[in-house]
């Protein structure tokens, strides 16, 4: 999949991500990746889900996967 070029990550973009599918974003600078990663992990509580983030600072890309939150007993929350 071709990376999506963005200036910065927003909570609305995270909310629009489908569950279980990885999306790759291209940001202008490494500092933007750091800021986006922070926003992503803080947003987990507000959006009631989990994110997996993989960063490539050389290519200025990050891949994000949105997952449904699991309970303590291993069941997936809807």
Protein backbone atom coordinates (compact mmCIF):
# COMPACT_ATOMS: atom_id res chain seq x y z
CA UNK A 1 0.00 0.00 0.00
CA UNK A 2 1.27 3.47 -0.88
CA UNK A 3 2.06 5.69 2.13
CA UNK A 4 -0.29 8.59 2.83
CA UNK A 5 1.59 11.91 3.02
CA UNK A 6 0.40 14.12 5.88
CA UNK A 7 1.71 17.23 7.65
CA UNK A 8 0.72 16.03 11.12
CA UNK A 9 -1.36 13.31 12.77
CA UNK A 10 -4.75 14.22 14.21
CA UNK A 11 -7.19 12.39 16.44
CA UNK A 12 -9.76 12.50 13.60
CA UNK A 13 -7.35 10.59 11.35
CA UNK A 14 -6.90 7.97 14.07
CA UNK A 15 -10.65 7.66 14.57
CA UNK A 16 -11.08 7.02 10.82
CA UNK A 17 -8.61 4.12 10.76
CA UNK A 18 -10.33 0.76 10.26
CA UNK A 19 -9.79 -1.96 12.89
CA UNK A 20 -7.22 -4.61 12.02
CA UNK A 21 -5.73 -2.93 8.95
CA UNK A 22 -2.28 -1.33 8.85
CA UNK A 23 -1.93 2.12 7.30
CA UNK A 24 1.39 3.78 6.47
CA UNK A 25 1.83 7.53 6.78
CA UNK A 26 4.69 9.70 5.57
CA UNK A 27 5.54 12.73 7.72
CA UNK A 28 7.83 15.70 6.96
CA UNK A 29 10.36 15.21 9.82
CA UNK A 30 11.43 12.76 12.51
CA UNK A 31 10.15 15.13 15.20
CA UNK A 32 6.67 14.85 13.64
CA UNK A 33 6.85 11.06 14.00
CA UNK A 34 7.72 11.43 17.70
CA UNK A 35 4.82 13.84 18.23
CA UNK A 36 2.42 11.58 16.32
CA UNK A 37 3.46 8.52 18.33
CA UNK A 38 2.75 10.39 21.55
CA UNK A 39 -0.68 11.47 20.29
CA UNK A 40 -1.49 7.93 19.18
CA UNK A 41 -0.75 6.33 22.53
CA UNK A 42 -2.58 9.08 24.45
CA UNK A 43 -5.61 8.68 22.17
CA UNK A 44 -6.05 4.99 23.01
CA UNK A 45 -8.04 5.88 26.12
CA UNK A 46 -10.29 8.41 24.39
CA UNK A 47 -10.98 6.18 21.37
CA UNK A 48 -11.27 3.02 23.52
CA UNK A 49 -8.95 0.93 21.36
CA UNK A 50 -5.29 -0.04 21.07
CA UNK A 51 -2.74 0.98 18.44
CA UNK A 52 0.44 -0.69 17.25
CA UNK A 53 2.97 1.75 15.79
CA UNK A 54 6.10 1.01 13.78
CA UNK A 55 8.36 3.94 12.94
CA UNK A 56 10.99 4.27 10.22
CA UNK A 57 12.91 7.46 10.94
CA UNK A 58 15.13 7.13 7.85
CA UNK A 59 12.17 6.97 5.45
CA UNK A 60 10.08 9.33 7.66
CA UNK A 61 7.24 6.81 7.72
CA UNK A 62 5.09 5.25 10.39
CA UNK A 63 2.74 2.28 10.13
CA UNK A 64 -0.27 2.23 12.44
CA UNK A 65 -2.63 -0.66 13.18
CA UNK A 66 -5.80 -0.05 15.17
CA UNK A 67 -6.99 -2.94 17.33
CA UNK A 68 -10.02 -3.54 19.49
CA UNK A 69 -9.32 -3.38 23.21
CA UNK A 70 -9.07 -6.70 25.07
CA UNK A 71 -10.43 -7.23 28.53
CA UNK A 72 -8.48 -8.81 31.39
CA UNK A 73 -10.02 -12.19 30.54
CA UNK A 74 -8.87 -11.98 26.89
CA UNK A 75 -12.27 -11.16 25.43
CA UNK A 76 -12.43 -8.42 22.81
CA UNK A 77 -14.47 -5.36 23.65
CA UNK A 78 -16.92 -4.08 21.01
